[in-house]
């Protein structure tokens, strides 16, 4: 029994680690996977688990970009430290919209939108948007090539796009990347900014879920949570490296087609067997 539950946590960690960074919706995939792989745990624990497992994925960003995001590194000059602080200021500005609205509507979203229909529809809608926007931007690479080119106004507007990701199936990275590209960012900066925005967002969301849950874990619950987080961390390191290498020579249309196909399959499956 213990082995089976830990095996489920491993599989869920793999799904989280892959889908958190690719613009295909980690929350949407986790909701769908849960239809087939049910953890033997309370509803309250599972609600917390599917958010807090993302901490493992976030730690991968912290590891891979630690020097880049560390304003106190002795290896950096005064100008480089100031540049790093500027990145953090822009992250804070971009985080504010989703942080405020997420806190206000967390319970309502969980009650009304965490279902396969919402996930499937948003997978399809944003899949179409990825294809349309990439076709529109064919041959362009955006005028925002560095974080110095990213203004505070644009950072805030990208943060407004991140609000869309409160709807499951949208994809936090997908919404911010789409928004950044529409606002003139290169794909590379759009992806990196999306990664950096995830750090305070996911730490905040995880803290909120842990407080609501109450920090009262059984031994089994602790093992499941830590296993899922650890696997998500390892897989996330690989997924981030893959994505940043992929977008150097490719656009996001492949992810758009994936989203559309998956969304249609989900609607078809539940129409037949739901």
C-alpha atoms as a PDB file:
ATOM      1  CA  UNK A   1       0.000   0.000   0.000  1.00  0.00           C
ATOM      2  CA  UNK A   2       2.790   2.460   0.923  1.00  0.00           C
ATOM      3  CA  UNK A   3       4.775   1.562  -2.203  1.00  0.00           C
ATOM      4  CA  UNK A   4       1.765   2.121  -4.464  1.00  0.00           C
ATOM      5  CA  UNK A   5       1.042   5.567  -2.997  1.00  0.00           C
ATOM      6  CA  UNK A   6       4.682   6.584  -3.342  1.00  0.00           C
ATOM      7  CA  UNK A   7       4.663   5.320  -6.925  1.00  0.00           C
ATOM      8  CA  UNK A   8       1.665   7.559  -7.604  1.00  0.00           C
ATOM      9  CA  UNK A   9       3.573  10.496  -6.084  1.00  0.00           C
ATOM     10  CA  UNK A  10       6.536   9.738  -8.359  1.00  0.00           C
ATOM     11  CA  UNK A  11       4.317   9.748 -11.438  1.00  0.00           C
ATOM     12  CA  UNK A  12       2.586  12.970 -10.383  1.00  0.00           C
ATOM     13  CA  UNK A  13       5.997  14.542  -9.750  1.00  0.00           C
ATOM     14  CA  UNK A  14       7.076  13.626 -13.285  1.00  0.00           C
ATOM     15  CA  UNK A  15       3.918  15.187 -14.736  1.00  0.00           C
ATOM     16  CA  UNK A  16       4.410  18.337 -12.645  1.00  0.00           C
ATOM     17  CA  UNK A  17       8.088  18.652 -13.519  1.00  0.00           C
ATOM     18  CA  UNK A  18       7.428  18.461 -17.258  1.00  0.00           C
ATOM     19  CA  UNK A  19       4.250  20.522 -17.505  1.00  0.00           C
ATOM     20  CA  UNK A  20       5.111  23.345 -15.081  1.00  0.00           C
ATOM     21  CA  UNK A  21       7.576  24.877 -17.540  1.00  0.00           C
ATOM     22  CA  UNK A  22       6.219  23.893 -20.920  1.00  0.00           C
ATOM     23  CA  UNK A  23       3.240  26.111 -21.872  1.00  0.00           C
ATOM     24  CA  UNK A  24       0.732  23.273 -21.634  1.00  0.00           C
ATOM     25  CA  UNK A  25      -0.705  23.785 -18.099  1.00  0.00           C
ATOM     26  CA  UNK A  26       0.626  21.841 -15.130  1.00  0.00           C
ATOM     27  CA  UNK A  27      -2.570  22.331 -13.097  1.00  0.00           C
ATOM     28  CA  UNK A  28      -4.667  21.167 -16.026  1.00  0.00           C
ATOM     29  CA  UNK A  29      -2.584  18.035 -16.473  1.00  0.00           C
ATOM     30  CA  UNK A  30      -2.637  17.293 -12.745  1.00  0.00           C
ATOM     31  CA  UNK A  31      -6.434  17.572 -12.672  1.00  0.00           C
ATOM     32  CA  UNK A  32      -6.696  15.226 -15.644  1.00  0.00           C
ATOM     33  CA  UNK A  33      -4.162  12.742 -14.279  1.00  0.00           C
ATOM     34  CA  UNK A  34      -6.059  12.643 -10.988  1.00  0.00           C
ATOM     35  CA  UNK A  35      -9.055  11.264 -12.887  1.00  0.00           C
ATOM     36  CA  UNK A  36      -6.998   8.108 -13.437  1.00  0.00           C
ATOM     37  CA  UNK A  37      -4.524   8.102 -10.534  1.00  0.00           C
ATOM     38  CA  UNK A  38      -6.275   8.764  -7.249  1.00  0.00           C
ATOM     39  CA  UNK A  39      -4.117   9.328  -4.188  1.00  0.00           C
ATOM     40  CA  UNK A  40      -5.450   7.490  -1.148  1.00  0.00           C
ATOM     41  CA  UNK A  41      -5.719  10.698   0.877  1.00  0.00           C
ATOM     42  CA  UNK A  42      -8.257  13.235   2.058  1.00  0.00           C
ATOM     43  CA  UNK A  43      -9.688  15.816  -0.310  1.00  0.00           C
ATOM     44  CA  UNK A  44      -8.027  18.573   1.734  1.00  0.00           C
ATOM     45  CA  UNK A  45      -4.608  16.944   1.425  1.00  0.00           C
ATOM     46  CA  UNK A  46      -4.953  16.438  -2.322  1.00  0.00           C
ATOM     47  CA  UNK A  47      -5.986  20.060  -2.849  1.00  0.00           C
ATOM     48  CA  UNK A  48      -2.864  21.145  -0.958  1.00  0.00           C
ATOM     49  CA  UNK A  49      -0.612  18.543  -2.620  1.00  0.00           C
ATOM     50  CA  UNK A  50      -1.362  19.638  -6.183  1.00  0.00           C
ATOM     51  CA  UNK A  51      -0.186  23.152  -5.351  1.00  0.00           C
ATOM     52  CA  UNK A  52       2.692  22.526  -2.943  1.00  0.00           C
ATOM     53  CA  UNK A  53       4.269  19.892  -5.208  1.00  0.00           C
ATOM     54  CA  UNK A  54       5.084  22.859  -7.447  1.00  0.00           C
ATOM     55  CA  UNK A  55       7.623  24.033  -4.860  1.00  0.00           C
ATOM     56  CA  UNK A  56       9.909  21.257  -6.062  1.00  0.00           C
ATOM     57  CA  UNK A  57       9.629  22.602  -9.584  1.00  0.00           C
ATOM     58  CA  UNK A  58      10.299  26.175  -8.419  1.00  0.00           C
ATOM     59  CA  UNK A  59      13.473  25.103  -6.618  1.00  0.00           C
ATOM     60  CA  UNK A  60      14.780  23.971 -10.007  1.00  0.00           C
ATOM     61  CA  UNK A  61      14.571  27.586 -11.207  1.00  0.00           C
ATOM     62  CA  UNK A  62      16.319  28.756  -8.053  1.00  0.00           C
ATOM     63  CA  UNK A  63      19.122  26.254  -8.680  1.00  0.00           C
ATOM     64  CA  UNK A  64      19.585  26.942 -12.391  1.00  0.00           C
ATOM     65  CA  UNK A  65      19.360  30.730 -12.104  1.00  0.00           C
ATOM     66  CA  UNK A  66      20.842  31.202  -8.635  1.00  0.00           C
ATOM     67  CA  UNK A  67      23.802  33.311  -9.744  1.00  0.00           C
ATOM     68  CA  UNK A  68      21.687  35.279 -12.214  1.00  0.00           C
ATOM     69  CA  UNK A  69      19.101  36.134  -9.550  1.00  0.00           C
ATOM     70  CA  UNK A  70      21.436  36.609  -6.588  1.00  0.00           C
ATOM     71  CA  UNK A  71      21.980  40.365  -6.064  1.00  0.00           C
ATOM     72  CA  UNK A  72      24.471  39.746  -3.256  1.00  0.00           C
ATOM     73  CA  UNK A  73      26.954  37.604  -5.186  1.00  0.00           C
ATOM     74  CA  UNK A  74      30.537  38.721  -4.447  1.00  0.00           C
ATOM     75  CA  UNK A  75      31.392  37.808  -8.041  1.00  0.00           C
ATOM     76  CA  UNK A  76      29.157  40.605  -9.359  1.00  0.00           C
ATOM     77  CA  UNK A  77      30.148  44.221  -9.865  1.00  0.00           C
ATOM     78  CA  UNK A  78      28.049  47.043  -8.394  1.00  0.00           C
ATOM     79  CA  UNK A  79      26.423  47.574 -11.795  1.00  0.00           C
ATOM     80  CA  UNK A  80      25.595  43.863 -12.123  1.00  0.00           C
ATOM     81  CA  UNK A  81      24.076  43.816  -8.637  1.00  0.00           C
ATOM     82  CA  UNK A  82      21.919  46.794  -9.543  1.00  0.00           C
ATOM     83  CA  UNK A  83      20.853  45.050 -12.745  1.00  0.00           C
ATOM     84  CA  UNK A  84      19.865  41.964 -10.730  1.00  0.00           C
ATOM     85  CA  UNK A  85      17.826  44.086  -8.322  1.00  0.00           C
ATOM     86  CA  UNK A  86      16.110  45.655 -11.335  1.00  0.00           C
ATOM     87  CA  UNK A  87      15.041  42.163 -12.472  1.00  0.00           C
ATOM     88  CA  UNK A  88      13.554  41.491  -9.025  1.00  0.00           C
ATOM     89  CA  UNK A  89      11.697  44.813  -9.011  1.00  0.00           C
ATOM     90  CA  UNK A  90      10.157  43.919 -12.362  1.00  0.00           C
ATOM     91  CA  UNK A  91       9.233  40.469 -11.060  1.00  0.00           C
ATOM     92  CA  UNK A  92       7.461  42.041  -8.071  1.00  0.00           C
ATOM     93  CA  UNK A  93       5.539  44.403 -10.359  1.00  0.00           C
ATOM     94  CA  UNK A  94       4.536  41.486 -12.594  1.00  0.00           C
ATOM     95  CA  UNK A  95       3.450  39.322  -9.682  1.00  0.00           C
ATOM     96  CA  UNK A  96       1.068  41.800  -8.047  1.00  0.00           C
ATOM     97  CA  UNK A  97      -2.057  41.302 -10.251  1.00  0.00           C
ATOM     98  CA  UNK A  98      -2.159  37.500  -9.916  1.00  0.00           C
ATOM     99  CA  UNK A  99      -1.189  37.619  -6.233  1.00  0.00           C
ATOM    100  CA  UNK A 100      -4.053  39.957  -5.323  1.00  0.00           C
ATOM    101  CA  UNK A 101      -6.745  38.301  -7.451  1.00  0.00           C
ATOM    102  CA  UNK A 102      -5.542  34.785  -6.621  1.00  0.00           C
ATOM    103  CA  UNK A 103      -5.839  35.489  -2.920  1.00  0.00           C
ATOM    104  CA  UNK A 104      -9.327  36.950  -3.324  1.00  0.00           C
ATOM    105  CA  UNK A 105     -10.765  34.240  -5.567  1.00  0.00           C
ATOM    106  CA  UNK A 106      -8.827  31.105  -4.533  1.00  0.00           C
ATOM    107  CA  UNK A 107     -11.787  29.320  -2.940  1.00  0.00           C
ATOM    108  CA  UNK A 108     -14.225  30.277  -5.718  1.00  0.00           C
ATOM    109  CA  UNK A 109     -11.846  29.058  -8.426  1.00  0.00           C
ATOM    110  CA  UNK A 110     -11.318  25.727  -6.655  1.00  0.00           C
ATOM    111  CA  UNK A 111     -15.061  25.207  -6.287  1.00  0.00           C
ATOM    112  CA  UNK A 112     -16.214  26.187  -9.762  1.00  0.00           C
ATOM    113  CA  UNK A 113     -13.407  25.797 -12.306  1.00  0.00           C
ATOM    114  CA  UNK A 114     -11.298  22.810 -11.264  1.00  0.00           C
ATOM    115  CA  UNK A 115     -12.907  20.284 -13.624  1.00  0.00           C
ATOM    116  CA  UNK A 116     -12.120  18.557 -16.901  1.00  0.00           C
ATOM    117  CA  UNK A 117     -14.445  20.740 -19.019  1.00  0.00           C
ATOM    118  CA  UNK A 118     -12.686  23.956 -18.009  1.00  0.00           C
ATOM    119  CA  UNK A 119      -9.280  22.343 -18.540  1.00  0.00           C
ATOM    120  CA  UNK A 120     -10.165  20.975 -21.984  1.00  0.00           C
ATOM    121  CA  UNK A 121     -11.695  24.225 -23.232  1.00  0.00           C
ATOM    122  CA  UNK A 122      -8.788  26.376 -22.057  1.00  0.00           C
ATOM    123  CA  UNK A 123      -6.278  23.905 -23.490  1.00  0.00           C
ATOM    124  CA  UNK A 124      -7.923  24.296 -26.895  1.00  0.00           C
ATOM    125  CA  UNK A 125      -8.420  28.087 -26.745  1.00  0.00           C
ATOM    126  CA  UNK A 126      -4.834  28.862 -25.803  1.00  0.00           C
ATOM    127  CA  UNK A 127      -3.529  26.245 -28.195  1.00  0.00           C
ATOM    128  CA  UNK A 128      -5.253  28.131 -31.018  1.00  0.00           C
ATOM    129  CA  UNK A 129      -3.879  31.430 -29.696  1.00  0.00           C
ATOM    130  CA  UNK A 130      -0.326  30.091 -29.689  1.00  0.00           C
ATOM    131  CA  UNK A 131      -0.625  29.090 -33.347  1.00  0.00           C
ATOM    132  CA  UNK A 132      -2.310  32.343 -34.419  1.00  0.00           C
ATOM    133  CA  UNK A 133       0.156  34.569 -32.553  1.00  0.00           C
ATOM    134  CA  UNK A 134       3.215  32.653 -33.746  1.00  0.00           C
ATOM    135  CA  UNK A 135       1.957  32.837 -37.347  1.00  0.00           C
ATOM    136  CA  UNK A 136       1.402  36.581 -36.891  1.00  0.00           C
ATOM    137  CA  UNK A 137       4.903  37.012 -35.469  1.00  0.00           C
ATOM    138  CA  UNK A 138       6.646  34.852 -38.077  1.00  0.00           C
ATOM    139  CA  UNK A 139      10.018  36.384 -38.883  1.00  0.00           C
ATOM    140  CA  UNK A 140       9.887  38.759 -35.919  1.00  0.00           C
ATOM    141  CA  UNK A 141      11.857  38.340 -32.732  1.00  0.00           C
ATOM    142  CA  UNK A 142      10.571  41.235 -30.627  1.00  0.00           C
ATOM    143  CA  UNK A 143      12.310  44.412 -29.555  1.00  0.00           C
ATOM    144  CA  UNK A 144      12.655  43.290 -25.912  1.00  0.00           C
ATOM    145  CA  UNK A 145      15.884  41.320 -26.149  1.00  0.00           C
ATOM    146  CA  UNK A 146      17.199  41.850 -22.602  1.00  0.00           C
ATOM    147  CA  UNK A 147      15.736  42.614 -19.192  1.00  0.00           C
ATOM    148  CA  UNK A 148      17.031  46.169 -19.553  1.00  0.00           C
ATOM    149  CA  UNK A 149      14.609  46.527 -22.489  1.00  0.00           C
ATOM    150  CA  UNK A 150      11.700  45.371 -20.299  1.00  0.00           C
ATOM    151  CA  UNK A 151       9.975  48.421 -18.813  1.00  0.00           C
ATOM    152  CA  UNK A 152       7.982  48.383 -15.577  1.00  0.00           C
ATOM    153  CA  UNK A 153       4.812  49.126 -17.529  1.00  0.00           C
ATOM    154  CA  UNK A 154       5.371  46.108 -19.768  1.00  0.00           C
ATOM    155  CA  UNK A 155       6.230  43.952 -16.739  1.00  0.00           C
ATOM    156  CA  UNK A 156       2.918  44.929 -15.138  1.00  0.00           C
ATOM    157  CA  UNK A 157       0.986  44.202 -18.352  1.00  0.00           C
ATOM    158  CA  UNK A 158       2.597  40.769 -18.586  1.00  0.00           C
ATOM    159  CA  UNK A 159       1.491  40.268 -14.982  1.00  0.00           C
ATOM    160  CA  UNK A 160      -2.069  41.021 -16.075  1.00  0.00           C
ATOM    161  CA  UNK A 161      -1.792  38.203 -18.601  1.00  0.00           C
ATOM    162  CA  UNK A 162      -0.626  35.935 -15.767  1.00  0.00           C
ATOM    163  CA  UNK A 163      -4.009  36.520 -14.084  1.00  0.00           C
ATOM    164  CA  UNK A 164      -5.544  34.416 -16.873  1.00  0.00           C
ATOM    165  CA  UNK A 165      -3.609  31.419 -15.559  1.00  0.00           C
ATOM    166  CA  UNK A 166      -5.786  31.347 -12.442  1.00  0.00           C
ATOM    167  CA  UNK A 167      -8.195  29.429 -14.683  1.00  0.00           C
ATOM    168  CA  UNK A 168      -6.989  25.800 -14.767  1.00  0.00           C
ATOM    169  CA  UNK A 169      -5.840  24.586 -18.157  1.00  0.00           C
ATOM    170  CA  UNK A 170      -4.545  28.011 -19.180  1.00  0.00           C
ATOM    171  CA  UNK A 171      -0.909  27.499 -18.081  1.00  0.00           C
ATOM    172  CA  UNK A 172       0.876  30.143 -16.053  1.00  0.00           C
ATOM    173  CA  UNK A 173       3.929  29.972 -18.287  1.00  0.00           C
ATOM    174  CA  UNK A 174       1.704  29.879 -21.374  1.00  0.00           C
ATOM    175  CA  UNK A 175      -0.252  33.002 -20.382  1.00  0.00           C
ATOM    176  CA  UNK A 176       2.835  35.017 -19.467  1.00  0.00           C
ATOM    177  CA  UNK A 177       4.779  33.904 -22.551  1.00  0.00           C
ATOM    178  CA  UNK A 178       1.874  34.755 -24.862  1.00  0.00           C
ATOM    179  CA  UNK A 179       1.439  38.109 -23.161  1.00  0.00           C
ATOM    180  CA  UNK A 180       5.139  38.910 -23.343  1.00  0.00           C
ATOM    181  CA  UNK A 181       5.348  38.012 -27.040  1.00  0.00           C
ATOM    182  CA  UNK A 182       2.294  40.142 -27.835  1.00  0.00           C
ATOM    183  CA  UNK A 183       3.925  43.035 -25.982  1.00  0.00           C
ATOM    184  CA  UNK A 184       7.121  42.784 -28.027  1.00  0.00           C
ATOM    185  CA  UNK A 185       9.341  40.354 -26.116  1.00  0.00           C
ATOM    186  CA  UNK A 186      11.630  37.798 -27.676  1.00  0.00           C
ATOM    187  CA  UNK A 187      10.707  34.197 -26.908  1.00  0.00           C
ATOM    188  CA  UNK A 188      13.828  33.737 -24.791  1.00  0.00           C
ATOM    189  CA  UNK A 189      13.159  36.717 -22.499  1.00  0.00           C
ATOM    190  CA  UNK A 190       9.453  35.811 -22.378  1.00  0.00           C
ATOM    191  CA  UNK A 191      10.326  32.324 -21.123  1.00  0.00           C
ATOM    192  CA  UNK A 192      12.909  33.533 -18.601  1.00  0.00           C
ATOM    193  CA  UNK A 193      10.596  36.213 -17.222  1.00  0.00           C
ATOM    194  CA  UNK A 194       7.884  33.574 -16.893  1.00  0.00           C
ATOM    195  CA  UNK A 195      10.288  31.409 -14.875  1.00  0.00           C
ATOM    196  CA  UNK A 196      11.228  34.290 -12.582  1.00  0.00           C
ATOM    197  CA  UNK A 197       7.593  35.288 -12.022  1.00  0.00           C
ATOM    198  CA  UNK A 198       6.878  31.736 -10.888  1.00  0.00           C
ATOM    199  CA  UNK A 199       9.155  32.007  -7.850  1.00  0.00           C
ATOM    200  CA  UNK A 200       7.115  34.412  -5.665  1.00  0.00           C
ATOM    201  CA  UNK A 201       3.808  33.234  -7.158  1.00  0.00           C
ATOM    202  CA  UNK A 202       4.359  29.582  -6.309  1.00  0.00           C
ATOM    203  CA  UNK A 203       5.927  30.240  -2.919  1.00  0.00           C
ATOM    204  CA  UNK A 204       2.930  32.416  -2.064  1.00  0.00           C
ATOM    205  CA  UNK A 205       0.372  29.919  -3.379  1.00  0.00           C
ATOM    206  CA  UNK A 206       2.074  27.057  -1.534  1.00  0.00           C
ATOM    207  CA  UNK A 207       2.195  29.022   1.719  1.00  0.00           C
ATOM    208  CA  UNK A 208      -1.516  29.802   1.382  1.00  0.00           C
ATOM    209  CA  UNK A 209      -2.410  26.139   0.831  1.00  0.00           C
ATOM    210  CA  UNK A 210      -0.193  24.971   3.711  1.00  0.00           C
ATOM    211  CA  UNK A 211      -1.782  27.493   6.083  1.00  0.00           C
ATOM    212  CA  UNK A 212      -5.262  26.392   5.010  1.00  0.00           C
ATOM    213  CA  UNK A 213      -4.328  22.728   5.441  1.00  0.00           C
ATOM    214  CA  UNK A 214      -2.885  23.382   8.875  1.00  0.00           C
ATOM    215  CA  UNK A 215       0.579  21.704   8.765  1.00  0.00           C
ATOM    216  CA  UNK A 216      -0.892  18.531  10.315  1.00  0.00           C
ATOM    217  CA  UNK A 217       0.600  15.675   8.290  1.00  0.00           C
ATOM    218  CA  UNK A 218       0.556  11.957   8.850  1.00  0.00           C
ATOM    219  CA  UNK A 219       3.743  10.033   8.102  1.00  0.00           C
ATOM    220  CA  UNK A 220       2.247   8.795   4.827  1.00  0.00           C
ATOM    221  CA  UNK A 221       1.193  12.297   3.779  1.00  0.00           C
ATOM    222  CA  UNK A 222       4.665  13.650   4.502  1.00  0.00           C
ATOM    223  CA  UNK A 223       6.282  10.884   2.442  1.00  0.00           C
ATOM    224  CA  UNK A 224       3.912  11.455  -0.491  1.00  0.00           C
ATOM    225  CA  UNK A 225       4.452  15.218  -0.498  1.00  0.00           C
ATOM    226  CA  UNK A 226       8.250  15.063  -0.225  1.00  0.00           C
ATOM    227  CA  UNK A 227       8.479  12.342  -2.893  1.00  0.00           C
ATOM    228  CA  UNK A 228       6.361  14.351  -5.321  1.00  0.00           C
ATOM    229  CA  UNK A 229       8.379  17.516  -4.693  1.00  0.00           C
ATOM    230  CA  UNK A 230      11.738  15.771  -5.107  1.00  0.00           C
ATOM    231  CA  UNK A 231      10.758  14.126  -8.394  1.00  0.00           C
ATOM    232  CA  UNK A 232       9.249  17.401  -9.654  1.00  0.00           C
ATOM    233  CA  UNK A 233      12.543  19.157  -8.850  1.00  0.00           C
ATOM    234  CA  UNK A 234      14.725  16.684 -10.773  1.00  0.00           C
ATOM    235  CA  UNK A 235      12.415  16.528 -13.792  1.00  0.00           C
ATOM    236  CA  UNK A 236      12.024  20.327 -13.815  1.00  0.00           C
ATOM    237  CA  UNK A 237      15.773  20.836 -14.175  1.00  0.00           C
ATOM    238  CA  UNK A 238      15.687  18.712 -17.332  1.00  0.00           C
ATOM    239  CA  UNK A 239      12.480  20.333 -18.646  1.00  0.00           C
ATOM    240  CA  UNK A 240      13.803  23.893 -18.247  1.00  0.00           C
ATOM    241  CA  UNK A 241      17.059  23.049 -20.013  1.00  0.00           C
ATOM    242  CA  UNK A 242      15.095  21.402 -22.825  1.00  0.00           C
ATOM    243  CA  UNK A 243      12.738  24.364 -23.294  1.00  0.00           C
ATOM    244  CA  UNK A 244      15.459  27.019 -23.331  1.00  0.00           C
ATOM    245  CA  UNK A 245      17.393  24.987 -25.890  1.00  0.00           C
ATOM    246  CA  UNK A 246      14.272  24.310 -27.965  1.00  0.00           C
ATOM    247  CA  UNK A 247      13.123  27.918 -28.342  1.00  0.00           C
ATOM    248  CA  UNK A 248      16.509  29.066 -29.660  1.00  0.00           C
ATOM    249  CA  UNK A 249      15.555  27.545 -33.011  1.00  0.00           C
ATOM    250  CA  UNK A 250      11.802  26.882 -32.751  1.00  0.00           C
ATOM    251  CA  UNK A 251       8.553  28.680 -32.011  1.00  0.00           C
ATOM    252  CA  UNK A 252       5.697  27.603 -29.714  1.00  0.00           C
ATOM    253  CA  UNK A 253       3.308  26.274 -32.374  1.00  0.00           C
ATOM    254  CA  UNK A 254       4.077  22.635 -31.537  1.00  0.00           C
ATOM    255  CA  UNK A 255       2.810  23.261 -28.008  1.00  0.00           C
ATOM    256  CA  UNK A 256      -0.298  24.886 -29.468  1.00  0.00           C
ATOM    257  CA  UNK A 257      -1.101  21.788 -31.529  1.00  0.00           C
ATOM    258  CA  UNK A 258      -0.429  19.567 -28.506  1.00  0.00           C
ATOM    259  CA  UNK A 259      -2.900  21.584 -26.427  1.00  0.00           C
ATOM    260  CA  UNK A 260      -5.618  21.393 -29.087  1.00  0.00           C
ATOM    261  CA  UNK A 261      -5.237  17.653 -29.598  1.00  0.00           C
ATOM    262  CA  UNK A 262      -5.199  16.953 -25.850  1.00  0.00           C
ATOM    263  CA  UNK A 263      -8.221  19.178 -25.242  1.00  0.00           C
ATOM    264  CA  UNK A 264     -10.235  17.416 -27.950  1.00  0.00           C
ATOM    265  CA  UNK A 265      -9.218  13.989 -26.625  1.00  0.00           C
ATOM    266  CA  UNK A 266     -10.249  14.971 -23.101  1.00  0.00           C
ATOM    267  CA  UNK A 267     -13.682  16.186 -24.216  1.00  0.00           C
ATOM    268  CA  UNK A 268     -14.150  13.051 -26.309  1.00  0.00           C
ATOM    269  CA  UNK A 269     -13.060  10.713 -23.516  1.00  0.00           C
ATOM    270  CA  UNK A 270     -15.376  12.168 -20.895  1.00  0.00           C
ATOM    271  CA  UNK A 271     -18.255  12.418 -23.383  1.00  0.00           C
ATOM    272  CA  UNK A 272     -17.953   8.676 -23.977  1.00  0.00           C
ATOM    273  CA  UNK A 273     -16.918   7.376 -20.564  1.00  0.00           C
ATOM    274  CA  UNK A 274     -17.534  10.209 -18.090  1.00  0.00           C
END
